[in-house]
Amino acid sequence: MTLSREQSDRDLFDRVASRYARKDIATSSALARRHQLLAAIEPVLDQLPNLGTLVDVGCGVGATAAYLTDHYERYIGIDQSEEMIKAAIAFNRGNLRAEFIAQNIKSRDLPQNVADVILSDGALHHITELSEAMDALVRIAKPGAFLVIREPQNGNPLLQALRWGRGIVDPSYSKEQIFFSERDLKELFSNHGVMDISVEFQGFLSTPFAQVVMRPQFLSVPLCRAAISIDRWLGARLPEPLKKLSFNIIVIGRFKK
């Protein structure tokens, strides 16, 4: 029997969990990953003095708990991969404000009405039955909570070709990923009562550094810093149509109060 995309991705992440944290340990990739996360969450931080209870969907090794450590009171990381959750607990050893749950996001056993902010950072394209998943996020969120989703987007044909090639040569990369358009994500938000929707496009040069540990580090670290600076410059100056050539899309909204 053919496994569903969710099941096959869970098996994949179980296999790579023991080495997945390398991206958040190596300086070059950690710099890029922290930059991209902070850029995604910054519009919420501009409105809230503190993220309160932050629920991280598809948390992986829980690096978000470390990158945002000064910005939340409680962090709940959820991932369907039990091996990834074990890696997350090890990665965040000593962080008493972080907790981790090995569970499919659609499970009704998850905490309800707890989240001030829900973050899904590159997890949505691993999830099937998206309508059920969004219903689950509604249950987890407090009224008026923020929802922040960052996803690879499909607006650049060249990047789509590169992703296809990576799926062939990189055994840690899911071959069955889907990539969303701006319209896809805005409709998903609107259909589940998420309001005040805003969209940003992110990542031109820094994204490859976030995804791959490039060696030697004495070269890749300054190159990554330069890529981040150029991305900031492009993000502030490119015309809106050209921003859609980026790797990622960020969509932010709020659940009904």
C-alpha atoms as a PDB file:
ATOM      1  CA  MET A   1       0.000   0.000   0.000  1.00  0.00           C
ATOM      2  CA  THR A   2       1.316   3.453  -0.906  1.00  0.00           C
ATOM      3  CA  LEU A   3       1.983   5.676   2.082  1.00  0.00           C
ATOM      4  CA  SER A   4       0.321   9.081   2.242  1.00  0.00           C
ATOM      5  CA  ARG A   5       2.560  12.133   1.929  1.00  0.00           C
ATOM      6  CA  GLU A   6       2.170  12.738   5.673  1.00  0.00           C
ATOM      7  CA  GLN A   7       3.204   9.204   6.567  1.00  0.00           C
ATOM      8  CA  SER A   8       6.156   9.138   4.185  1.00  0.00           C
ATOM      9  CA  ASP A   9       7.377  12.521   5.435  1.00  0.00           C
ATOM     10  CA  ARG A  10       7.038  11.359   9.041  1.00  0.00           C
ATOM     11  CA  ASP A  11       9.154   8.316   8.234  1.00  0.00           C
ATOM     12  CA  LEU A  12      11.679  10.539   6.479  1.00  0.00           C
ATOM     13  CA  PHE A  13      11.995  12.887   9.457  1.00  0.00           C
ATOM     14  CA  ASP A  14      12.273   9.964  11.839  1.00  0.00           C
ATOM     15  CA  ARG A  15      15.292   8.817   9.809  1.00  0.00           C
ATOM     16  CA  VAL A  16      17.035  12.205   9.622  1.00  0.00           C
ATOM     17  CA  ALA A  17      16.179  13.478  13.125  1.00  0.00           C
ATOM     18  CA  SER A  18      19.531  12.575  14.685  1.00  0.00           C
ATOM     19  CA  ARG A  19      21.386  14.850  12.270  1.00  0.00           C
ATOM     20  CA  TYR A  20      18.727  17.475  11.521  1.00  0.00           C
ATOM     21  CA  ALA A  21      19.986  19.871  14.206  1.00  0.00           C
ATOM     22  CA  ARG A  22      23.209  20.391  12.257  1.00  0.00           C
ATOM     23  CA  LYS A  23      21.504  23.183  10.340  1.00  0.00           C
ATOM     24  CA  ASP A  24      20.875  25.028  13.605  1.00  0.00           C
ATOM     25  CA  ILE A  25      24.358  24.361  14.989  1.00  0.00           C
ATOM     26  CA  ALA A  26      26.571  25.277  12.029  1.00  0.00           C
ATOM     27  CA  THR A  27      27.078  29.046  12.147  1.00  0.00           C
ATOM     28  CA  SER A  28      26.306  29.831   8.506  1.00  0.00           C
ATOM     29  CA  SER A  29      22.992  27.991   8.333  1.00  0.00           C
ATOM     30  CA  ALA A  30      21.972  29.063  11.845  1.00  0.00           C
ATOM     31  CA  LEU A  31      22.510  32.721  10.916  1.00  0.00           C
ATOM     32  CA  ALA A  32      20.277  32.383   7.877  1.00  0.00           C
ATOM     33  CA  ARG A  33      17.595  30.384   9.689  1.00  0.00           C
ATOM     34  CA  ARG A  34      17.428  32.856  12.580  1.00  0.00           C
ATOM     35  CA  HIS A  35      17.284  35.808  10.180  1.00  0.00           C
ATOM     36  CA  GLN A  36      14.421  34.293   8.199  1.00  0.00           C
ATOM     37  CA  LEU A  37      12.461  33.346  11.314  1.00  0.00           C
ATOM     38  CA  LEU A  38      12.809  36.801  12.880  1.00  0.00           C
ATOM     39  CA  ALA A  39      11.790  38.433   9.603  1.00  0.00           C
ATOM     40  CA  ALA A  40       8.655  36.282   9.531  1.00  0.00           C
ATOM     41  CA  ILE A  41       7.648  36.979  13.131  1.00  0.00           C
ATOM     42  CA  GLU A  42       8.673  40.657  13.232  1.00  0.00           C
ATOM     43  CA  PRO A  43       5.261  42.048  12.161  1.00  0.00           C
ATOM     44  CA  VAL A  44       3.694  40.278  15.153  1.00  0.00           C
ATOM     45  CA  LEU A  45       6.403  41.490  17.529  1.00  0.00           C
ATOM     46  CA  ASP A  46       5.643  45.019  16.312  1.00  0.00           C
ATOM     47  CA  GLN A  47       2.104  44.592  17.702  1.00  0.00           C
ATOM     48  CA  LEU A  48       2.728  42.491  20.807  1.00  0.00           C
ATOM     49  CA  PRO A  49       5.203  43.203  23.617  1.00  0.00           C
ATOM     50  CA  ASN A  50       5.575  39.438  24.030  1.00  0.00           C
ATOM     51  CA  LEU A  51       4.404  36.424  22.020  1.00  0.00           C
ATOM     52  CA  GLY A  52       2.861  34.858  25.133  1.00  0.00           C
ATOM     53  CA  THR A  53       2.203  31.190  24.453  1.00  0.00           C
ATOM     54  CA  LEU A  54       3.794  30.343  21.115  1.00  0.00           C
ATOM     55  CA  VAL A  55       2.711  27.097  19.436  1.00  0.00           C
ATOM     56  CA  ASP A  56       5.135  25.880  16.768  1.00  0.00           C
ATOM     57  CA  VAL A  57       3.539  23.484  14.263  1.00  0.00           C
ATOM     58  CA  GLY A  58       6.004  21.016  12.735  1.00  0.00           C
ATOM     59  CA  CYS A  59       8.649  22.227  15.153  1.00  0.00           C
ATOM     60  CA  GLY A  60      11.454  19.910  14.049  1.00  0.00           C
ATOM     61  CA  VAL A  61      14.298  20.166  16.564  1.00  0.00           C
ATOM     62  CA  GLY A  62      12.622  23.179  18.185  1.00  0.00           C
ATOM     63  CA  ALA A  63      15.275  25.671  17.140  1.00  0.00           C
ATOM     64  CA  THR A  64      12.577  28.360  17.168  1.00  0.00           C
ATOM     65  CA  ALA A  65      12.473  28.041  20.957  1.00  0.00           C
ATOM     66  CA  ALA A  66      16.148  29.034  21.021  1.00  0.00           C
ATOM     67  CA  TYR A  67      16.011  31.716  18.332  1.00  0.00           C
ATOM     68  CA  LEU A  68      13.023  33.468  19.968  1.00  0.00           C
ATOM     69  CA  THR A  69      13.941  32.770  23.589  1.00  0.00           C
ATOM     70  CA  ASP A  70      13.518  36.429  24.658  1.00  0.00           C
ATOM     71  CA  HIS A  71      10.121  36.808  23.024  1.00  0.00           C
ATOM     72  CA  TYR A  72       7.724  34.287  24.599  1.00  0.00           C
ATOM     73  CA  GLU A  73       6.490  33.106  27.982  1.00  0.00           C
ATOM     74  CA  ARG A  74       5.702  29.539  26.944  1.00  0.00           C
ATOM     75  CA  TYR A  75       6.695  27.582  23.864  1.00  0.00           C
ATOM     76  CA  ILE A  76       4.869  24.427  22.706  1.00  0.00           C
ATOM     77  CA  GLY A  77       6.495  22.532  19.860  1.00  0.00           C
ATOM     78  CA  ILE A  78       4.369  19.958  18.020  1.00  0.00           C
ATOM     79  CA  ASP A  79       5.693  17.482  15.475  1.00  0.00           C
ATOM     80  CA  GLN A  80       4.331  14.159  14.246  1.00  0.00           C
ATOM     81  CA  SER A  81       7.850  12.643  14.170  1.00  0.00           C
ATOM     82  CA  GLU A  82       8.611  11.049  17.528  1.00  0.00           C
ATOM     83  CA  GLU A  83      12.324  10.939  16.724  1.00  0.00           C
ATOM     84  CA  MET A  84      12.305  14.642  15.878  1.00  0.00           C
ATOM     85  CA  ILE A  85      10.631  15.423  19.202  1.00  0.00           C
ATOM     86  CA  LYS A  86      13.349  13.461  21.006  1.00  0.00           C
ATOM     87  CA  ALA A  87      15.920  15.552  19.144  1.00  0.00           C
ATOM     88  CA  ALA A  88      14.019  18.735  20.070  1.00  0.00           C
ATOM     89  CA  ILE A  89      14.042  17.859  23.768  1.00  0.00           C
ATOM     90  CA  ALA A  90      17.793  17.261  23.594  1.00  0.00           C
ATOM     91  CA  PHE A  91      18.406  20.454  21.603  1.00  0.00           C
ATOM     92  CA  ASN A  92      16.459  22.542  24.143  1.00  0.00           C
ATOM     93  CA  ARG A  93      17.757  20.905  27.290  1.00  0.00           C
ATOM     94  CA  GLY A  94      17.629  23.468  30.096  1.00  0.00           C
ATOM     95  CA  ASN A  95      14.868  25.593  28.537  1.00  0.00           C
ATOM     96  CA  LEU A  96      12.167  25.323  31.192  1.00  0.00           C
ATOM     97  CA  ARG A  97       9.671  27.364  29.166  1.00  0.00           C
ATOM     98  CA  ALA A  98       9.689  24.931  26.226  1.00  0.00           C
ATOM     99  CA  GLU A  99       7.675  21.738  25.948  1.00  0.00           C
ATOM    100  CA  PHE A 100       7.279  19.300  23.092  1.00  0.00           C
ATOM    101  CA  ILE A 101       4.476  17.029  21.922  1.00  0.00           C
ATOM    102  CA  ALA A 102       4.804  14.151  19.454  1.00  0.00           C
ATOM    103  CA  GLN A 103       1.433  14.268  17.727  1.00  0.00           C
ATOM    104  CA  ASN A 104      -0.230  14.924  14.398  1.00  0.00           C
ATOM    105  CA  ILE A 105      -1.502  18.494  14.391  1.00  0.00           C
ATOM    106  CA  LYS A 106      -5.010  17.260  13.544  1.00  0.00           C
ATOM    107  CA  SER A 107      -5.280  15.249  16.755  1.00  0.00           C
ATOM    108  CA  ARG A 108      -8.027  16.315  19.151  1.00  0.00           C
ATOM    109  CA  ASP A 109      -5.758  15.337  22.054  1.00  0.00           C
ATOM    110  CA  LEU A 110      -3.713  18.521  21.673  1.00  0.00           C
ATOM    111  CA  PRO A 111      -4.188  21.476  24.064  1.00  0.00           C
ATOM    112  CA  GLN A 112      -7.059  23.763  23.101  1.00  0.00           C
ATOM    113  CA  ASN A 113      -7.508  27.524  23.420  1.00  0.00           C
ATOM    114  CA  VAL A 114      -3.896  28.045  24.533  1.00  0.00           C
ATOM    115  CA  ALA A 115      -1.989  29.849  21.760  1.00  0.00           C
ATOM    116  CA  ASP A 116      -1.447  33.591  21.538  1.00  0.00           C
ATOM    117  CA  VAL A 117       0.601  32.982  18.396  1.00  0.00           C
ATOM    118  CA  ILE A 118       0.678  29.925  16.128  1.00  0.00           C
ATOM    119  CA  LEU A 119       3.704  29.537  13.889  1.00  0.00           C
ATOM    120  CA  SER A 120       3.977  27.105  11.004  1.00  0.00           C
ATOM    121  CA  ASP A 121       7.435  27.559   9.546  1.00  0.00           C
ATOM    122  CA  GLY A 122       7.805  25.400   6.466  1.00  0.00           C
ATOM    123  CA  ALA A 123       5.484  22.700   7.799  1.00  0.00           C
ATOM    124  CA  LEU A 124       2.260  23.202   5.873  1.00  0.00           C
ATOM    125  CA  HIS A 125       3.478  21.516   2.695  1.00  0.00           C
ATOM    126  CA  HIS A 126       4.053  18.311   4.670  1.00  0.00           C
ATOM    127  CA  ILE A 127       0.428  18.221   5.889  1.00  0.00           C
ATOM    128  CA  THR A 128      -2.509  16.573   4.116  1.00  0.00           C
ATOM    129  CA  GLU A 129      -6.194  17.391   4.652  1.00  0.00           C
ATOM    130  CA  LEU A 130      -5.361  21.075   5.073  1.00  0.00           C
ATOM    131  CA  SER A 131      -8.926  22.025   5.959  1.00  0.00           C
ATOM    132  CA  GLU A 132      -8.836  19.631   8.936  1.00  0.00           C
ATOM    133  CA  ALA A 133      -5.440  20.988   9.918  1.00  0.00           C
ATOM    134  CA  MET A 134      -6.742  24.559   9.895  1.00  0.00           C
ATOM    135  CA  ASP A 135      -9.728  23.492  11.994  1.00  0.00           C
ATOM    136  CA  ALA A 136      -7.217  22.088  14.479  1.00  0.00           C
ATOM    137  CA  LEU A 137      -5.348  25.396  14.592  1.00  0.00           C
ATOM    138  CA  VAL A 138      -8.637  27.168  15.331  1.00  0.00           C
ATOM    139  CA  ARG A 139      -9.087  24.855  18.335  1.00  0.00           C
ATOM    140  CA  ILE A 140      -5.540  25.485  19.576  1.00  0.00           C
ATOM    141  CA  ALA A 141      -5.731  29.286  19.205  1.00  0.00           C
ATOM    142  CA  LYS A 142      -7.116  31.755  21.685  1.00  0.00           C
ATOM    143  CA  PRO A 143      -9.638  34.227  20.244  1.00  0.00           C
ATOM    144  CA  GLY A 144      -7.705  36.915  18.389  1.00  0.00           C
ATOM    145  CA  ALA A 145      -4.491  34.880  18.241  1.00  0.00           C
ATOM    146  CA  PHE A 146      -2.016  35.488  15.440  1.00  0.00           C
ATOM    147  CA  LEU A 147      -1.274  32.888  12.778  1.00  0.00           C
ATOM    148  CA  VAL A 148       2.079  33.095  11.001  1.00  0.00           C
ATOM    149  CA  ILE A 149       2.804  30.734   8.121  1.00  0.00           C
ATOM    150  CA  ARG A 150       6.038  30.725   6.136  1.00  0.00           C
ATOM    151  CA  GLU A 151       6.190  28.417   3.131  1.00  0.00           C
ATOM    152  CA  PRO A 152       8.225  27.820   0.003  1.00  0.00           C
ATOM    153  CA  GLN A 153       6.222  29.448  -2.787  1.00  0.00           C
ATOM    154  CA  ASN A 154       5.760  28.462  -6.399  1.00  0.00           C
ATOM    155  CA  GLY A 155       6.089  31.809  -8.161  1.00  0.00           C
ATOM    156  CA  ASN A 156       9.581  31.260  -9.595  1.00  0.00           C
ATOM    157  CA  PRO A 157       9.900  28.482 -12.227  1.00  0.00           C
ATOM    158  CA  LEU A 158      13.699  28.348 -11.836  1.00  0.00           C
ATOM    159  CA  LEU A 159      13.407  27.678  -8.107  1.00  0.00           C
ATOM    160  CA  GLN A 160      10.812  24.995  -8.795  1.00  0.00           C
ATOM    161  CA  ALA A 161      13.291  23.267 -11.104  1.00  0.00           C
ATOM    162  CA  LEU A 162      16.030  23.483  -8.478  1.00  0.00           C
ATOM    163  CA  ARG A 163      13.693  21.975  -5.872  1.00  0.00           C
ATOM    164  CA  TRP A 164      12.905  19.120  -8.226  1.00  0.00           C
ATOM    165  CA  GLY A 165      16.619  18.482  -8.671  1.00  0.00           C
ATOM    166  CA  ARG A 166      17.247  18.559  -4.949  1.00  0.00           C
ATOM    167  CA  GLY A 167      14.512  15.988  -4.453  1.00  0.00           C
ATOM    168  CA  ILE A 168      16.503  13.635  -6.672  1.00  0.00           C
ATOM    169  CA  VAL A 169      19.961  14.073  -5.112  1.00  0.00           C
ATOM    170  CA  ASP A 170      19.199  14.853  -1.428  1.00  0.00           C
ATOM    171  CA  PRO A 171      17.832  11.861   0.538  1.00  0.00           C
ATOM    172  CA  SER A 172      16.797  14.141   3.432  1.00  0.00           C
ATOM    173  CA  TYR A 173      14.495  16.195   1.161  1.00  0.00           C
ATOM    174  CA  SER A 174      10.903  15.116   0.677  1.00  0.00           C
ATOM    175  CA  LYS A 175      10.141  14.411  -2.982  1.00  0.00           C
ATOM    176  CA  GLU A 176       6.378  14.865  -2.563  1.00  0.00           C
ATOM    177  CA  GLN A 177       6.272  18.435  -1.339  1.00  0.00           C
ATOM    178  CA  ILE A 178       3.721  20.856  -2.671  1.00  0.00           C
ATOM    179  CA  PHE A 179       4.347  24.561  -3.083  1.00  0.00           C
ATOM    180  CA  PHE A 180       1.701  27.189  -2.505  1.00  0.00           C
ATOM    181  CA  SER A 181       0.750  30.341  -4.322  1.00  0.00           C
ATOM    182  CA  GLU A 182      -0.257  33.560  -2.597  1.00  0.00           C
ATOM    183  CA  ARG A 183      -3.846  32.879  -3.604  1.00  0.00           C
ATOM    184  CA  ASP A 184      -3.767  29.354  -2.119  1.00  0.00           C
ATOM    185  CA  LEU A 185      -2.703  30.567   1.308  1.00  0.00           C
ATOM    186  CA  LYS A 186      -4.979  33.602   1.432  1.00  0.00           C
ATOM    187  CA  GLU A 187      -7.948  31.405   0.573  1.00  0.00           C
ATOM    188  CA  LEU A 188      -6.931  28.888   3.237  1.00  0.00           C
ATOM    189  CA  PHE A 189      -6.838  31.672   5.832  1.00  0.00           C
ATOM    190  CA  SER A 190     -10.103  33.289   4.747  1.00  0.00           C
ATOM    191  CA  ASN A 191     -12.000  30.007   4.608  1.00  0.00           C
ATOM    192  CA  HIS A 192     -11.200  29.378   8.275  1.00  0.00           C
ATOM    193  CA  GLY A 193     -12.043  32.749   9.721  1.00  0.00           C
ATOM    194  CA  VAL A 194      -8.538  34.200   9.772  1.00  0.00           C
ATOM    195  CA  MET A 195      -8.741  37.955   9.204  1.00  0.00           C
ATOM    196  CA  ASP A 196      -6.431  40.965   8.722  1.00  0.00           C
ATOM    197  CA  ILE A 197      -4.309  38.973   6.268  1.00  0.00           C
ATOM    198  CA  SER A 198      -0.952  40.346   5.154  1.00  0.00           C
ATOM    199  CA  VAL A 199       1.561  38.838   2.731  1.00  0.00           C
ATOM    200  CA  GLU A 200       5.317  39.238   2.388  1.00  0.00           C
ATOM    201  CA  PHE A 201       7.827  37.535   0.108  1.00  0.00           C
ATOM    202  CA  GLN A 202      11.212  36.527   1.502  1.00  0.00           C
ATOM    203  CA  GLY A 203      14.552  35.039   0.619  1.00  0.00           C
ATOM    204  CA  PHE A 204      16.599  35.546  -2.527  1.00  0.00           C
ATOM    205  CA  LEU A 205      20.175  34.679  -1.579  1.00  0.00           C
ATOM    206  CA  SER A 206      20.023  33.661   2.087  1.00  0.00           C
ATOM    207  CA  THR A 207      17.650  30.697   1.712  1.00  0.00           C
ATOM    208  CA  PRO A 208      20.228  28.216   0.318  1.00  0.00           C
ATOM    209  CA  PHE A 209      22.429  28.948   3.351  1.00  0.00           C
ATOM    210  CA  ALA A 210      19.443  28.165   5.623  1.00  0.00           C
ATOM    211  CA  GLN A 211      18.834  24.815   3.955  1.00  0.00           C
ATOM    212  CA  VAL A 212      22.344  23.439   3.483  1.00  0.00           C
ATOM    213  CA  VAL A 213      25.400  23.467   5.746  1.00  0.00           C
ATOM    214  CA  MET A 214      28.013  24.899   3.418  1.00  0.00           C
ATOM    215  CA  ARG A 215      31.694  24.287   4.029  1.00  0.00           C
ATOM    216  CA  PRO A 216      34.225  25.565   4.766  1.00  0.00           C
ATOM    217  CA  GLN A 217      32.598  27.710   7.433  1.00  0.00           C
ATOM    218  CA  PHE A 218      35.287  30.394   7.317  1.00  0.00           C
ATOM    219  CA  LEU A 219      34.041  31.177   3.806  1.00  0.00           C
ATOM    220  CA  SER A 220      30.335  30.391   4.136  1.00  0.00           C
ATOM    221  CA  VAL A 221      29.771  32.503   7.268  1.00  0.00           C
ATOM    222  CA  PRO A 222      30.807  35.845   5.689  1.00  0.00           C
ATOM    223  CA  LEU A 223      29.029  34.878   2.467  1.00  0.00           C
ATOM    224  CA  CYS A 224      25.867  34.167   4.467  1.00  0.00           C
ATOM    225  CA  ARG A 225      26.110  37.530   6.248  1.00  0.00           C
ATOM    226  CA  ALA A 226      26.451  39.229   2.875  1.00  0.00           C
ATOM    227  CA  ALA A 227      23.458  37.292   1.496  1.00  0.00           C
ATOM    228  CA  ILE A 228      21.336  38.378   4.458  1.00  0.00           C
ATOM    229  CA  SER A 229      22.312  42.029   3.929  1.00  0.00           C
ATOM    230  CA  ILE A 230      21.493  41.837   0.221  1.00  0.00           C
ATOM    231  CA  ASP A 231      18.147  40.171   0.973  1.00  0.00           C
ATOM    232  CA  ARG A 232      17.258  42.999   3.354  1.00  0.00           C
ATOM    233  CA  TRP A 233      18.176  45.555   0.680  1.00  0.00           C
ATOM    234  CA  LEU A 234      16.160  43.748  -1.993  1.00  0.00           C
ATOM    235  CA  GLY A 235      13.184  43.303   0.312  1.00  0.00           C
ATOM    236  CA  ALA A 236      13.058  47.037   0.945  1.00  0.00           C
ATOM    237  CA  ARG A 237      13.577  48.177  -2.653  1.00  0.00           C
ATOM    238  CA  LEU A 238      12.291  45.634  -5.164  1.00  0.00           C
ATOM    239  CA  PRO A 239       8.970  46.371  -6.871  1.00  0.00           C
ATOM    240  CA  GLU A 240       6.219  44.105  -5.564  1.00  0.00           C
ATOM    241  CA  PRO A 241       5.943  41.946  -8.722  1.00  0.00           C
ATOM    242  CA  LEU A 242       9.653  41.078  -8.548  1.00  0.00           C
ATOM    243  CA  LYS A 243       9.445  40.090  -4.879  1.00  0.00           C
ATOM    244  CA  LYS A 244       7.390  37.105  -6.005  1.00  0.00           C
ATOM    245  CA  LEU A 245      10.574  35.603  -7.450  1.00  0.00           C
ATOM    246  CA  SER A 246      11.719  34.853  -3.882  1.00  0.00           C
ATOM    247  CA  PHE A 247      12.004  31.423  -2.291  1.00  0.00           C
ATOM    248  CA  ASN A 248       9.402  31.956   0.452  1.00  0.00           C
ATOM    249  CA  ILE A 249       6.055  33.526   1.201  1.00  0.00           C
ATOM    250  CA  ILE A 250       4.954  34.717   4.654  1.00  0.00           C
ATOM    251  CA  VAL A 251       1.256  35.050   5.413  1.00  0.00           C
ATOM    252  CA  ILE A 252       0.067  36.535   8.706  1.00  0.00           C
ATOM    253  CA  GLY A 253      -3.471  36.868  10.012  1.00  0.00           C
ATOM    254  CA  ARG A 254      -5.571  36.803  13.179  1.00  0.00           C
ATOM    255  CA  PHE A 255      -8.245  34.392  14.308  1.00  0.00           C
ATOM    256  CA  LYS A 256     -11.651  35.894  15.145  1.00  0.00           C
ATOM    257  CA  LYS A 257     -11.897  37.427  18.592  1.00  0.00           C
END
